[in-house]
C-alpha atoms as a PDB file:
ATOM      1  CA  MET A   1      81.847 101.261 154.629  1.00  0.00           C
ATOM      2  CA  ARG A   2      84.357 103.330 152.646  1.00  0.00           C
ATOM      3  CA  HIS A   3      86.853 100.417 152.587  1.00  0.00           C
ATOM      4  CA  VAL A   4      84.083  98.037 151.491  1.00  0.00           C
ATOM      5  CA  ALA A   5      83.155 100.388 148.662  1.00  0.00           C
ATOM      6  CA  VAL A   6      86.771 100.658 147.540  1.00  0.00           C
ATOM      7  CA  ARG A   7      87.191  96.871 147.516  1.00  0.00           C
ATOM      8  CA  PHE A   8      83.937  96.557 145.540  1.00  0.00           C
ATOM      9  CA  LEU A   9      85.139  99.046 142.925  1.00  0.00           C
ATOM     10  CA  VAL A  10      88.480  97.231 142.604  1.00  0.00           C
ATOM     11  CA  ALA A  11      86.648  93.937 142.135  1.00  0.00           C
ATOM     12  CA  VAL A  12      84.475  95.474 139.417  1.00  0.00           C
ATOM     13  CA  VAL A  13      87.552  96.784 137.582  1.00  0.00           C
ATOM     14  CA  VAL A  14      89.163  93.321 137.707  1.00  0.00           C
ATOM     15  CA  VAL A  15      86.032  91.620 136.373  1.00  0.00           C
ATOM     16  CA  VAL A  16      85.670  94.193 133.607  1.00  0.00           C
ATOM     17  CA  ALA A  17      89.284  93.645 132.559  1.00  0.00           C
ATOM     18  CA  ALA A  18      88.856  89.871 132.643  1.00  0.00           C
ATOM     19  CA  VAL A  19      85.837  89.813 130.329  1.00  0.00           C
ATOM     20  CA  GLY A  20      87.375  92.333 127.934  1.00  0.00           C
ATOM     21  CA  LEU A  21      84.966  95.242 128.424  1.00  0.00           C
ATOM     22  CA  HIS A  22      85.839  98.704 127.202  1.00  0.00           C
ATOM     23  CA  ALA A  23      85.160 101.864 129.114  1.00  0.00           C
ATOM     24  CA  ASP A  24      81.931 102.284 127.170  1.00  0.00           C
ATOM     25  CA  GLY A  25      80.848  98.626 127.353  1.00  0.00           C
ATOM     26  CA  PRO A  26      81.693  95.276 125.718  1.00  0.00           C
ATOM     27  CA  ALA A  27      83.676  95.206 122.482  1.00  0.00           C
ATOM     28  CA  THR A  28      81.319  95.119 119.534  1.00  0.00           C
ATOM     29  CA  PRO A  29      81.808  92.693 116.614  1.00  0.00           C
ATOM     30  CA  ARG A  30      82.943  95.681 114.545  1.00  0.00           C
ATOM     31  CA  GLN A  31      85.638  96.535 117.114  1.00  0.00           C
ATOM     32  CA  VAL A  32      86.778  92.906 117.365  1.00  0.00           C
ATOM     33  CA  ALA A  33      86.976  92.615 113.571  1.00  0.00           C
ATOM     34  CA  ALA A  34      88.915  95.875 113.260  1.00  0.00           C
ATOM     35  CA  SER A  35      91.411  94.733 115.882  1.00  0.00           C
ATOM     36  CA  ALA A  36      91.818  91.255 114.350  1.00  0.00           C
ATOM     37  CA  ALA A  37      92.252  92.719 110.851  1.00  0.00           C
ATOM     38  CA  ARG A  38      95.521  94.320 111.981  1.00  0.00           C
ATOM     39  CA  HIS A  39      97.032  90.813 112.018  1.00  0.00           C
ATOM     40  CA  VAL A  40      96.102  90.050 108.380  1.00  0.00           C
ATOM     41  CA  VAL A  41      98.362  91.033 105.482  1.00  0.00           C
ATOM     42  CA  LYS A  42      97.795  91.229 101.743  1.00  0.00           C
ATOM     43  CA  ILE A  43     100.284  89.139  99.755  1.00  0.00           C
ATOM     44  CA  TYR A  44     101.150  89.695  96.079  1.00  0.00           C
ATOM     45  CA  GLY A  45     103.334  87.521  93.866  1.00  0.00           C
ATOM     46  CA  ALA A  46     103.196  85.295  90.795  1.00  0.00           C
ATOM     47  CA  GLY A  47     100.031  84.599  88.830  1.00  0.00           C
ATOM     48  CA  GLY A  48      97.679  86.925  87.061  1.00  0.00           C
ATOM     49  CA  VAL A  49      96.015  84.482  84.661  1.00  0.00           C
ATOM     50  CA  ARG A  50      92.589  82.882  84.920  1.00  0.00           C
ATOM     51  CA  GLY A  51      92.552  80.403  87.784  1.00  0.00           C
ATOM     52  CA  LEU A  52      95.966  81.540  89.048  1.00  0.00           C
ATOM     53  CA  GLU A  53      95.413  84.705  91.051  1.00  0.00           C
ATOM     54  CA  ALA A  54      98.490  86.762  91.914  1.00  0.00           C
ATOM     55  CA  TYR A  55      97.290  87.581  95.443  1.00  0.00           C
ATOM     56  CA  GLN A  56      96.309  85.903  98.691  1.00  0.00           C
ATOM     57  CA  SER A  57      96.258  86.606 102.428  1.00  0.00           C
ATOM     58  CA  GLY A  58      98.565  85.968 105.369  1.00  0.00           C
ATOM     59  CA  ILE A  59      98.653  86.128 109.173  1.00  0.00           C
ATOM     60  CA  ILE A  60     101.288  87.872 111.317  1.00  0.00           C
ATOM     61  CA  LEU A  61     102.455  85.275 113.826  1.00  0.00           C
ATOM     62  CA  SER A  62     105.308  87.128 115.523  1.00  0.00           C
ATOM     63  CA  PRO A  63     106.291  90.776 116.090  1.00  0.00           C
ATOM     64  CA  ASP A  64     109.608  90.224 114.288  1.00  0.00           C
ATOM     65  CA  GLY A  65     108.031  89.648 110.875  1.00  0.00           C
ATOM     66  CA  ARG A  66     107.057  85.970 110.613  1.00  0.00           C
ATOM     67  CA  ILE A  67     103.976  85.583 108.439  1.00  0.00           C
ATOM     68  CA  ALA A  68     102.001  82.369 107.856  1.00  0.00           C
ATOM     69  CA  THR A  69     100.142  81.733 104.619  1.00  0.00           C
ATOM     70  CA  VAL A  70      99.221  78.884 102.278  1.00  0.00           C
ATOM     71  CA  MET A  71     101.687  77.206  99.939  1.00  0.00           C
ATOM     72  CA  SER A  72     100.674  78.264  96.424  1.00  0.00           C
ATOM     73  CA  THR A  73     101.894  79.488  93.039  1.00  0.00           C
ATOM     74  CA  VAL A  74     101.565  83.074  94.330  1.00  0.00           C
ATOM     75  CA  LEU A  75     104.775  82.509  96.307  1.00  0.00           C
ATOM     76  CA  ASP A  76     106.662  81.238  93.251  1.00  0.00           C
ATOM     77  CA  ALA A  77     107.909  84.726  92.415  1.00  0.00           C
ATOM     78  CA  ASP A  78     111.223  86.531  92.595  1.00  0.00           C
ATOM     79  CA  ASP A  79     109.472  89.439  94.331  1.00  0.00           C
ATOM     80  CA  ILE A  80     106.843  88.731  96.986  1.00  0.00           C
ATOM     81  CA  GLU A  81     105.197  91.807  98.494  1.00  0.00           C
ATOM     82  CA  CYS A  82     103.332  92.015 101.790  1.00  0.00           C
ATOM     83  CA  VAL A  83     101.058  94.967 102.540  1.00  0.00           C
ATOM     84  CA  LEU A  84     100.089  95.484 106.178  1.00  0.00           C
ATOM     85  CA  ASP A  85      96.758  96.714 107.477  1.00  0.00           C
ATOM     86  CA  ASP A  86      98.169 100.236 107.848  1.00  0.00           C
ATOM     87  CA  GLY A  87      99.385 100.283 104.226  1.00  0.00           C
ATOM     88  CA  ARG A  88     103.093  99.693 104.839  1.00  0.00           C
ATOM     89  CA  ARG A  89     104.741  97.576 102.128  1.00  0.00           C
ATOM     90  CA  PHE A  90     107.539  95.072 102.643  1.00  0.00           C
ATOM     91  CA  ALA A  91     109.488  92.733 100.399  1.00  0.00           C
ATOM     92  CA  ALA A  92     109.049  89.220 101.774  1.00  0.00           C
ATOM     93  CA  THR A  93     111.389  86.242 101.818  1.00  0.00           C
ATOM     94  CA  LEU A  94     110.020  82.714 101.632  1.00  0.00           C
ATOM     95  CA  VAL A  95     111.469  80.922 104.665  1.00  0.00           C
ATOM     96  CA  GLY A  96     110.090  77.494 103.757  1.00  0.00           C
ATOM     97  CA  VAL A  97     107.026  75.347 103.223  1.00  0.00           C
ATOM     98  CA  ASP A  98     105.313  72.351 104.788  1.00  0.00           C
ATOM     99  CA  PRO A  99     104.027  70.246 101.850  1.00  0.00           C
ATOM    100  CA  ARG A 100     101.830  68.047 104.033  1.00  0.00           C
ATOM    101  CA  ARG A 101      99.908  70.950 105.542  1.00  0.00           C
ATOM    102  CA  GLU A 102     100.310  73.104 102.376  1.00  0.00           C
ATOM    103  CA  LEU A 103     101.636  75.801 104.659  1.00  0.00           C
ATOM    104  CA  ALA A 104     104.307  78.448 104.050  1.00  0.00           C
ATOM    105  CA  VAL A 105     106.193  80.935 106.225  1.00  0.00           C
ATOM    106  CA  LEU A 106     107.341  84.340 104.971  1.00  0.00           C
ATOM    107  CA  SER A 107     109.676  86.791 106.652  1.00  0.00           C
ATOM    108  CA  ILE A 108     109.757  90.584 106.373  1.00  0.00           C
ATOM    109  CA  GLU A 109     112.242  93.084 107.796  1.00  0.00           C
ATOM    110  CA  ALA A 110     110.060  94.669 110.460  1.00  0.00           C
ATOM    111  CA  THR A 111     109.701  94.814 114.237  1.00  0.00           C
ATOM    112  CA  ASP A 112     106.913  95.452 116.745  1.00  0.00           C
ATOM    113  CA  LEU A 113     104.267  94.073 114.401  1.00  0.00           C
ATOM    114  CA  PRO A 114     100.760  93.317 115.733  1.00  0.00           C
ATOM    115  CA  ALA A 115     101.067  89.544 116.144  1.00  0.00           C
ATOM    116  CA  CYS A 116      97.833  87.624 116.611  1.00  0.00           C
ATOM    117  CA  ASP A 117      96.657  86.058 119.866  1.00  0.00           C
ATOM    118  CA  VAL A 118      96.304  82.309 119.282  1.00  0.00           C
ATOM    119  CA  GLU A 119      93.455  80.426 120.935  1.00  0.00           C
ATOM    120  CA  ALA A 120      94.971  77.678 123.102  1.00  0.00           C
ATOM    121  CA  GLY A 121      92.380  74.956 122.483  1.00  0.00           C
ATOM    122  CA  ARG A 122      90.347  73.823 119.518  1.00  0.00           C
ATOM    123  CA  ALA A 123      86.898  75.231 118.908  1.00  0.00           C
ATOM    124  CA  GLY A 124      83.893  72.970 118.567  1.00  0.00           C
ATOM    125  CA  PRO A 125      80.912  72.885 116.205  1.00  0.00           C
ATOM    126  CA  GLY A 126      78.590  75.824 116.716  1.00  0.00           C
ATOM    127  CA  THR A 127      81.372  78.267 117.592  1.00  0.00           C
ATOM    128  CA  ARG A 128      80.706  81.705 116.133  1.00  0.00           C
ATOM    129  CA  ALA A 129      83.625  82.903 114.059  1.00  0.00           C
ATOM    130  CA  MET A 130      84.797  85.605 111.682  1.00  0.00           C
ATOM    131  CA  ALA A 131      86.901  85.089 108.570  1.00  0.00           C
ATOM    132  CA  ILE A 132      89.222  87.987 107.712  1.00  0.00           C
ATOM    133  CA  SER A 133      90.959  87.984 104.322  1.00  0.00           C
ATOM    134  CA  ASN A 134      91.563  89.964 101.150  1.00  0.00           C
ATOM    135  CA  LEU A 135      88.920  88.072  99.209  1.00  0.00           C
ATOM    136  CA  PHE A 136      88.849  88.874  95.479  1.00  0.00           C
ATOM    137  CA  GLY A 137      91.724  91.302  96.133  1.00  0.00           C
ATOM    138  CA  VAL A 138      89.278  94.149  96.791  1.00  0.00           C
ATOM    139  CA  ALA A 139      91.431  95.772  99.499  1.00  0.00           C
ATOM    140  CA  VAL A 140      94.543  97.677  98.428  1.00  0.00           C
ATOM    141  CA  GLY A 141      97.024  99.804 100.350  1.00  0.00           C
ATOM    142  CA  ASP A 142      95.716 100.677 103.803  1.00  0.00           C
ATOM    143  CA  GLU A 143      92.189  99.473 103.015  1.00  0.00           C
ATOM    144  CA  ARG A 144      91.011  96.940 105.581  1.00  0.00           C
ATOM    145  CA  ALA A 145      90.637  93.261 104.706  1.00  0.00           C
ATOM    146  CA  SER A 146      87.109  91.921 104.264  1.00  0.00           C
ATOM    147  CA  VAL A 147      85.253  90.316 107.163  1.00  0.00           C
ATOM    148  CA  GLN A 148      82.703  87.482 107.008  1.00  0.00           C
ATOM    149  CA  ARG A 149      80.703  86.090 109.911  1.00  0.00           C
ATOM    150  CA  GLY A 150      79.409  82.575 110.419  1.00  0.00           C
ATOM    151  CA  VAL A 151      79.656  79.387 112.433  1.00  0.00           C
ATOM    152  CA  ILE A 152      81.979  76.386 112.577  1.00  0.00           C
ATOM    153  CA  ALA A 153      79.711  73.644 111.261  1.00  0.00           C
ATOM    154  CA  ALA A 154      81.944  70.636 111.951  1.00  0.00           C
ATOM    155  CA  VAL A 155      85.427  69.482 112.877  1.00  0.00           C
ATOM    156  CA  VAL A 156      86.301  66.571 110.574  1.00  0.00           C
ATOM    157  CA  PRO A 157      89.275  65.012 108.740  1.00  0.00           C
ATOM    158  CA  LEU A 158      89.890  66.653 105.383  1.00  0.00           C
ATOM    159  CA  GLU A 159      88.874  64.475 102.440  1.00  0.00           C
ATOM    160  CA  ALA A 160      89.011  66.696  99.413  1.00  0.00           C
ATOM    161  CA  ARG A 161      90.483  67.093  95.995  1.00  0.00           C
ATOM    162  CA  ARG A 162      92.013  69.916  93.984  1.00  0.00           C
ATOM    163  CA  GLY A 163      91.565  69.257  90.278  1.00  0.00           C
ATOM    164  CA  ALA A 164      92.509  65.617  89.716  1.00  0.00           C
ATOM    165  CA  ALA A 165      94.721  65.302  92.802  1.00  0.00           C
ATOM    166  CA  GLU A 166      93.827  64.574  96.403  1.00  0.00           C
ATOM    167  CA  ALA A 167      94.763  67.212  98.984  1.00  0.00           C
ATOM    168  CA  PRO A 168      97.869  65.984 100.877  1.00  0.00           C
ATOM    169  CA  TYR A 169      96.641  67.080 104.334  1.00  0.00           C
ATOM    170  CA  ALA A 170      94.489  64.449 106.043  1.00  0.00           C
ATOM    171  CA  GLY A 171      94.116  65.921 109.543  1.00  0.00           C
ATOM    172  CA  ASP A 172      91.124  67.660 111.111  1.00  0.00           C
ATOM    173  CA  VAL A 173      89.856  70.967 109.750  1.00  0.00           C
ATOM    174  CA  TYR A 174      87.092  73.387 110.674  1.00  0.00           C
ATOM    175  CA  VAL A 175      84.279  73.161 108.119  1.00  0.00           C
ATOM    176  CA  LEU A 176      82.538  76.539 107.944  1.00  0.00           C
ATOM    177  CA  ASP A 177      78.923  77.347 107.132  1.00  0.00           C
ATOM    178  CA  PHE A 178      79.815  80.485 105.161  1.00  0.00           C
ATOM    179  CA  THR A 179      81.638  80.938 101.875  1.00  0.00           C
ATOM    180  CA  THR A 180      85.336  81.523 102.461  1.00  0.00           C
ATOM    181  CA  ASN A 181      86.980  79.625  99.583  1.00  0.00           C
ATOM    182  CA  ASN A 182      87.155  82.718  97.399  1.00  0.00           C
ATOM    183  CA  PRO A 183      90.142  83.914  95.346  1.00  0.00           C
ATOM    184  CA  GLY A 184      92.438  85.855  97.683  1.00  0.00           C
ATOM    185  CA  SER A 185      91.022  84.304 100.846  1.00  0.00           C
ATOM    186  CA  PRO A 186      93.533  81.455 101.344  1.00  0.00           C
ATOM    187  CA  GLY A 187      95.899  82.334 104.174  1.00  0.00           C
ATOM    188  CA  GLY A 188      93.376  84.578 105.906  1.00  0.00           C
ATOM    189  CA  ALA A 189      92.498  84.399 109.604  1.00  0.00           C
ATOM    190  CA  LEU A 190      89.586  82.655 111.292  1.00  0.00           C
ATOM    191  CA  VAL A 191      89.000  84.284 114.698  1.00  0.00           C
ATOM    192  CA  ASP A 192      86.524  83.828 117.525  1.00  0.00           C
ATOM    193  CA  ALA A 193      84.214  86.427 119.073  1.00  0.00           C
ATOM    194  CA  ARG A 194      87.108  87.825 121.140  1.00  0.00           C
ATOM    195  CA  GLY A 195      89.447  88.117 118.161  1.00  0.00           C
ATOM    196  CA  ARG A 196      91.671  85.159 119.066  1.00  0.00           C
ATOM    197  CA  LEU A 197      93.041  83.126 116.161  1.00  0.00           C
ATOM    198  CA  LEU A 198      91.186  79.854 115.603  1.00  0.00           C
ATOM    199  CA  GLY A 199      92.812  78.879 112.324  1.00  0.00           C
ATOM    200  CA  MET A 200      93.905  79.801 108.817  1.00  0.00           C
ATOM    201  CA  LEU A 201      91.597  79.777 105.800  1.00  0.00           C
ATOM    202  CA  GLY A 202      92.463  77.031 103.326  1.00  0.00           C
ATOM    203  CA  LYS A 203      92.652  76.873  99.542  1.00  0.00           C
ATOM    204  CA  GLU A 204      89.844  76.095  97.125  1.00  0.00           C
ATOM    205  CA  LEU A 205      88.882  72.420  97.434  1.00  0.00           C
ATOM    206  CA  ARG A 206      86.019  70.125  96.531  1.00  0.00           C
ATOM    207  CA  SER A 207      84.728  67.320  98.705  1.00  0.00           C
ATOM    208  CA  THR A 208      85.921  63.941  97.434  1.00  0.00           C
ATOM    209  CA  ALA A 209      82.575  62.334  98.273  1.00  0.00           C
ATOM    210  CA  SER A 210      80.108  64.963  97.040  1.00  0.00           C
ATOM    211  CA  GLY A 211      82.059  67.294  94.753  1.00  0.00           C
ATOM    212  CA  ILE A 212      80.768  70.269  96.758  1.00  0.00           C
ATOM    213  CA  TRP A 213      83.127  73.196  97.321  1.00  0.00           C
ATOM    214  CA  LEU A 214      84.503  73.134 100.873  1.00  0.00           C
ATOM    215  CA  ASN A 215      84.875  76.183 103.082  1.00  0.00           C
ATOM    216  CA  TYR A 216      87.401  75.199 105.713  1.00  0.00           C
ATOM    217  CA  ALA A 217      90.235  76.383 107.949  1.00  0.00           C
ATOM    218  CA  LEU A 218      93.377  74.720 109.299  1.00  0.00           C
ATOM    219  CA  PRO A 219      93.148  74.716 113.139  1.00  0.00           C
ATOM    220  CA  ALA A 220      95.530  77.060 114.944  1.00  0.00           C
ATOM    221  CA  ASP A 221      97.435  74.262 116.705  1.00  0.00           C
ATOM    222  CA  GLU A 222      98.288  72.652 113.340  1.00  0.00           C
ATOM    223  CA  LEU A 223      99.196  76.074 111.954  1.00  0.00           C
ATOM    224  CA  VAL A 224     101.570  76.852 114.808  1.00  0.00           C
ATOM    225  CA  ALA A 225     103.121  73.370 114.758  1.00  0.00           C
ATOM    226  CA  GLY A 226     103.720  73.565 111.007  1.00  0.00           C
ATOM    227  CA  CYS A 227     105.290  77.021 111.235  1.00  0.00           C
ATOM    228  CA  GLN A 228     107.585  75.905 114.058  1.00  0.00           C
ATOM    229  CA  GLU A 229     108.744  72.930 111.990  1.00  0.00           C
ATOM    230  CA  ILE A 230     109.458  75.172 109.009  1.00  0.00           C
ATOM    231  CA  VAL A 231     111.404  77.752 111.012  1.00  0.00           C
ATOM    232  CA  SER A 232     113.385  75.057 112.842  1.00  0.00           C
ATOM    233  CA  GLY A 233     114.307  73.405 109.536  1.00  0.00           C
ATOM    234  CA  ARG A 234     112.510  70.120 110.209  1.00  0.00           C
ATOM    235  CA  VAL A 235     110.622  70.425 106.891  1.00  0.00           C
ATOM    236  CA  ALA A 236     111.510  71.749 103.450  1.00  0.00           C
ATOM    237  CA  THR A 237     113.212  75.132 103.298  1.00  0.00           C
ATOM    238  CA  THR A 238     113.923  77.364 100.326  1.00  0.00           C
ATOM    239  CA  THR A 239     117.524  78.243 101.104  1.00  0.00           C
ATOM    240  CA  GLY A 240     120.526  76.449  99.707  1.00  0.00           C
ATOM    241  CA  PRO A 241     123.509  76.748  97.346  1.00  0.00           C
ATOM    242  CA  THR A 242     123.013  77.886  93.794  1.00  0.00           C
ATOM    243  CA  ALA A 243     124.306  76.175  90.656  1.00  0.00           C
ATOM    244  CA  ALA A 244     123.569  75.680  86.977  1.00  0.00           C
ATOM    245  CA  PRO A 245     120.188  74.089  86.185  1.00  0.00           C
ATOM    246  CA  PHE A 246     120.439  70.318  85.824  1.00  0.00           C
ATOM    247  CA  ASP A 247     119.060  68.356  82.867  1.00  0.00           C
ATOM    248  CA  LEU A 248     116.597  66.064  84.611  1.00  0.00           C
ATOM    249  CA  ARG A 249     116.530  63.697  81.643  1.00  0.00           C
ATOM    250  CA  ALA A 250     119.860  62.377  82.943  1.00  0.00           C
ATOM    251  CA  LEU A 251     117.826  60.909  85.824  1.00  0.00           C
ATOM    252  CA  GLY A 252     115.048  59.672  83.549  1.00  0.00           C
ATOM    253  CA  LEU A 253     112.606  62.453  84.410  1.00  0.00           C
ATOM    254  CA  VAL A 254     110.583  64.244  81.747  1.00  0.00           C
ATOM    255  CA  LEU A 255     108.465  67.073  83.161  1.00  0.00           C
ATOM    256  CA  VAL A 256     105.460  68.807  81.634  1.00  0.00           C
ATOM    257  CA  PRO A 257     106.459  71.692  79.302  1.00  0.00           C
ATOM    258  CA  ASP A 258     107.287  74.990  80.978  1.00  0.00           C
ATOM    259  CA  LEU A 259     104.482  76.927  79.282  1.00  0.00           C
ATOM    260  CA  LEU A 260     104.021  79.665  81.881  1.00  0.00           C
ATOM    261  CA  GLY A 261     107.631  80.151  82.935  1.00  0.00           C
ATOM    262  CA  ARG A 262     106.741  78.912  86.434  1.00  0.00           C
ATOM    263  CA  THR A 263     104.934  75.696  85.613  1.00  0.00           C
ATOM    264  CA  PRO A 264     104.598  73.335  88.606  1.00  0.00           C
ATOM    265  CA  PRO A 265     107.021  70.380  88.307  1.00  0.00           C
ATOM    266  CA  PHE A 266     104.631  67.603  87.286  1.00  0.00           C
ATOM    267  CA  VAL A 267     106.194  64.407  85.931  1.00  0.00           C
ATOM    268  CA  GLU A 268     105.016  63.774  82.369  1.00  0.00           C
ATOM    269  CA  THR A 269     106.906  60.529  81.635  1.00  0.00           C
ATOM    270  CA  VAL A 270     109.545  58.326  83.237  1.00  0.00           C
ATOM    271  CA  VAL A 271     112.265  56.781  81.073  1.00  0.00           C
ATOM    272  CA  PRO A 272     112.243  52.948  81.337  1.00  0.00           C
ATOM    273  CA  GLY A 273     115.229  51.545  83.212  1.00  0.00           C
ATOM    274  CA  SER A 274     116.272  54.988  84.498  1.00  0.00           C
ATOM    275  CA  PRO A 275     117.010  55.973  88.122  1.00  0.00           C
ATOM    276  CA  ALA A 276     113.597  57.685  88.199  1.00  0.00           C
ATOM    277  CA  GLU A 277     111.805  54.441  87.312  1.00  0.00           C
ATOM    278  CA  GLN A 278     113.860  52.454  89.807  1.00  0.00           C
ATOM    279  CA  ALA A 279     112.924  54.997  92.495  1.00  0.00           C
ATOM    280  CA  GLY A 280     109.242  54.389  91.763  1.00  0.00           C
ATOM    281  CA  LEU A 281     108.365  57.740  90.215  1.00  0.00           C
ATOM    282  CA  ARG A 282     105.209  57.848  88.097  1.00  0.00           C
ATOM    283  CA  PRO A 283     103.593  60.180  85.584  1.00  0.00           C
ATOM    284  CA  ASP A 284     101.461  62.898  87.239  1.00  0.00           C
ATOM    285  CA  ASP A 285     103.630  62.929  90.382  1.00  0.00           C
ATOM    286  CA  LEU A 286     104.120  66.508  91.607  1.00  0.00           C
ATOM    287  CA  VAL A 287     107.631  67.182  92.917  1.00  0.00           C
ATOM    288  CA  VAL A 288     107.484  69.441  95.987  1.00  0.00           C
ATOM    289  CA  ALA A 289     110.955  69.154  97.517  1.00  0.00           C
ATOM    290  CA  VAL A 290     114.534  68.156  96.764  1.00  0.00           C
ATOM    291  CA  GLY A 291     116.200  67.124  99.996  1.00  0.00           C
ATOM    292  CA  ALA A 292     115.361  69.961 102.393  1.00  0.00           C
ATOM    293  CA  ARG A 293     114.616  72.511  99.657  1.00  0.00           C
ATOM    294  CA  ALA A 294     111.061  73.245  98.596  1.00  0.00           C
ATOM    295  CA  VAL A 295     110.451  73.540  94.843  1.00  0.00           C
ATOM    296  CA  ALA A 296     107.353  75.034  93.275  1.00  0.00           C
ATOM    297  CA  SER A 297     108.330  75.226  89.603  1.00  0.00           C
ATOM    298  CA  ARG A 298     110.218  73.283  86.971  1.00  0.00           C
ATOM    299  CA  HIS A 299     113.073  75.793  87.018  1.00  0.00           C
ATOM    300  CA  ALA A 300     113.332  75.601  90.834  1.00  0.00           C
ATOM    301  CA  LEU A 301     113.564  71.803  90.597  1.00  0.00           C
ATOM    302  CA  GLU A 302     116.335  71.978  87.976  1.00  0.00           C
ATOM    303  CA  MET A 303     118.274  74.473  90.103  1.00  0.00           C
ATOM    304  CA  ALA A 304     117.837  72.422  93.295  1.00  0.00           C
ATOM    305  CA  VAL A 305     119.152  69.242  91.663  1.00  0.00           C
ATOM    306  CA  GLY A 306     121.957  71.263  90.059  1.00  0.00           C
ATOM    307  CA  SER A 307     123.065  72.445  93.508  1.00  0.00           C
ATOM    308  CA  ILE A 308     123.682  68.843  94.612  1.00  0.00           C
ATOM    309  CA  VAL A 309     127.304  67.799  94.352  1.00  0.00           C
ATOM    310  CA  ALA A 310     127.845  65.178  91.630  1.00  0.00           C
ATOM    311  CA  GLY A 311     127.888  61.764  93.263  1.00  0.00           C
ATOM    312  CA  ASP A 312     125.728  62.790  96.223  1.00  0.00           C
ATOM    313  CA  PRO A 313     122.270  61.174  96.506  1.00  0.00           C
ATOM    314  CA  VAL A 314     119.255  62.866  94.940  1.00  0.00           C
ATOM    315  CA  ARG A 315     116.276  62.633  97.300  1.00  0.00           C
ATOM    316  CA  ILE A 316     112.951  64.143  96.296  1.00  0.00           C
ATOM    317  CA  ALA A 317     109.439  64.291  97.722  1.00  0.00           C
ATOM    318  CA  VAL A 318     106.361  64.081  95.509  1.00  0.00           C
ATOM    319  CA  ILE A 319     102.640  64.351  96.064  1.00  0.00           C
ATOM    320  CA  ARG A 320     100.813  61.269  94.772  1.00  0.00           C
ATOM    321  CA  ASP A 321      97.162  60.381  95.400  1.00  0.00           C
ATOM    322  CA  GLY A 322      96.969  62.909  98.222  1.00  0.00           C
ATOM    323  CA  ARG A 323     100.072  61.635 100.033  1.00  0.00           C
ATOM    324  CA  VAL A 324     103.661  62.851 100.231  1.00  0.00           C
ATOM    325  CA  VAL A 325     105.992  60.104  98.949  1.00  0.00           C
ATOM    326  CA  ASP A 326     109.784  60.197  99.426  1.00  0.00           C
ATOM    327  CA  CYS A 327     111.960  58.831  96.597  1.00  0.00           C
ATOM    328  CA  GLU A 328     115.725  58.393  96.216  1.00  0.00           C
ATOM    329  CA  LEU A 329     117.154  58.494  92.699  1.00  0.00           C
ATOM    330  CA  GLY A 330     120.696  57.478  93.558  1.00  0.00           C
ATOM    331  CA  PRO A 331     123.850  59.572  93.011  1.00  0.00           C
ATOM    332  CA  ARG A 332     123.592  62.699  90.920  1.00  0.00           C
ATOM    333  CA  PRO A 333     125.261  62.264  87.502  1.00  0.00           C
ATOM    334  CA  GLU A 334     127.878  64.684  86.217  1.00  0.00           C
ATOM    335  CA  GLU A 335     125.779  65.899  83.307  1.00  0.00           C
ATOM    336  CA  ALA A 336     124.373  69.410  83.649  1.00  0.00           C
ATOM    337  CA  ARG A 337     123.447  72.000  81.145  1.00  0.00           C
ATOM    338  CA  PRO A 338     124.406  75.730  81.226  1.00  0.00           C
END
């Protein structure tokens, strides 16, 4: 009987460990949220004017300092700061971006970070979930990110618009039944009842069909795939040689005025008969990459083209009507400005 009792107790311990029970019972939603919040970071960068917040959220994907977040104007700064759940502050480097998923990867000099546990499969409609982010920038220092609870309402292809432009990502997203598209929330974590990562909260979008604000998250498998492509160099990176800024008018490109110092590189006009016209560029195109280098501002675009050796081809990627379009403008001319 004693051996039977011992085997029974061992079996109970194994079952308890398998279902994630604590010594005093199952993990409560508060405990799950507190544990999951350790994986969310507060990100600060460019912005600070109405409609362009200087903060957003991010998710720690690896113990060695890889952080996933959304591609936005916040990251178009010389100094990007990441604040961990425990209040530690780190200067971050932008590793690269994925324009199609509007995803970015940052890197900080740190080790043994609390990386999130990614859910292997996709969740279905009706799954209970928690959104963890620094919405409205209310958390500072070691203050914990905000937590919202709700349900995944649907898993559908994204058909939405930001301003006058269609969102470039057309894959499936989780549509949520609670309000997560708040300033500061993009880049935050969507987790299940056990704290496993389901996806990353997206940016503010409106439905193309109804005009209603969408609350959505990029599924974890798309998030991981995009980050792997960025780190491996299969999509646009932000590293490359430096040079003098290039006068884009030599290629027939006239961009919108640089009113804010970091104005996104929208094409205002295309000179008739120029390489830009022959490449098929159009007004309102948004340039997002030059070759393998991501560009988020007019100045970054001028510097990226300036780093190309004269005579080498100029290849750029633009967002047009919700799609990423690749264009080749021919060899780079000699003309550059100091």
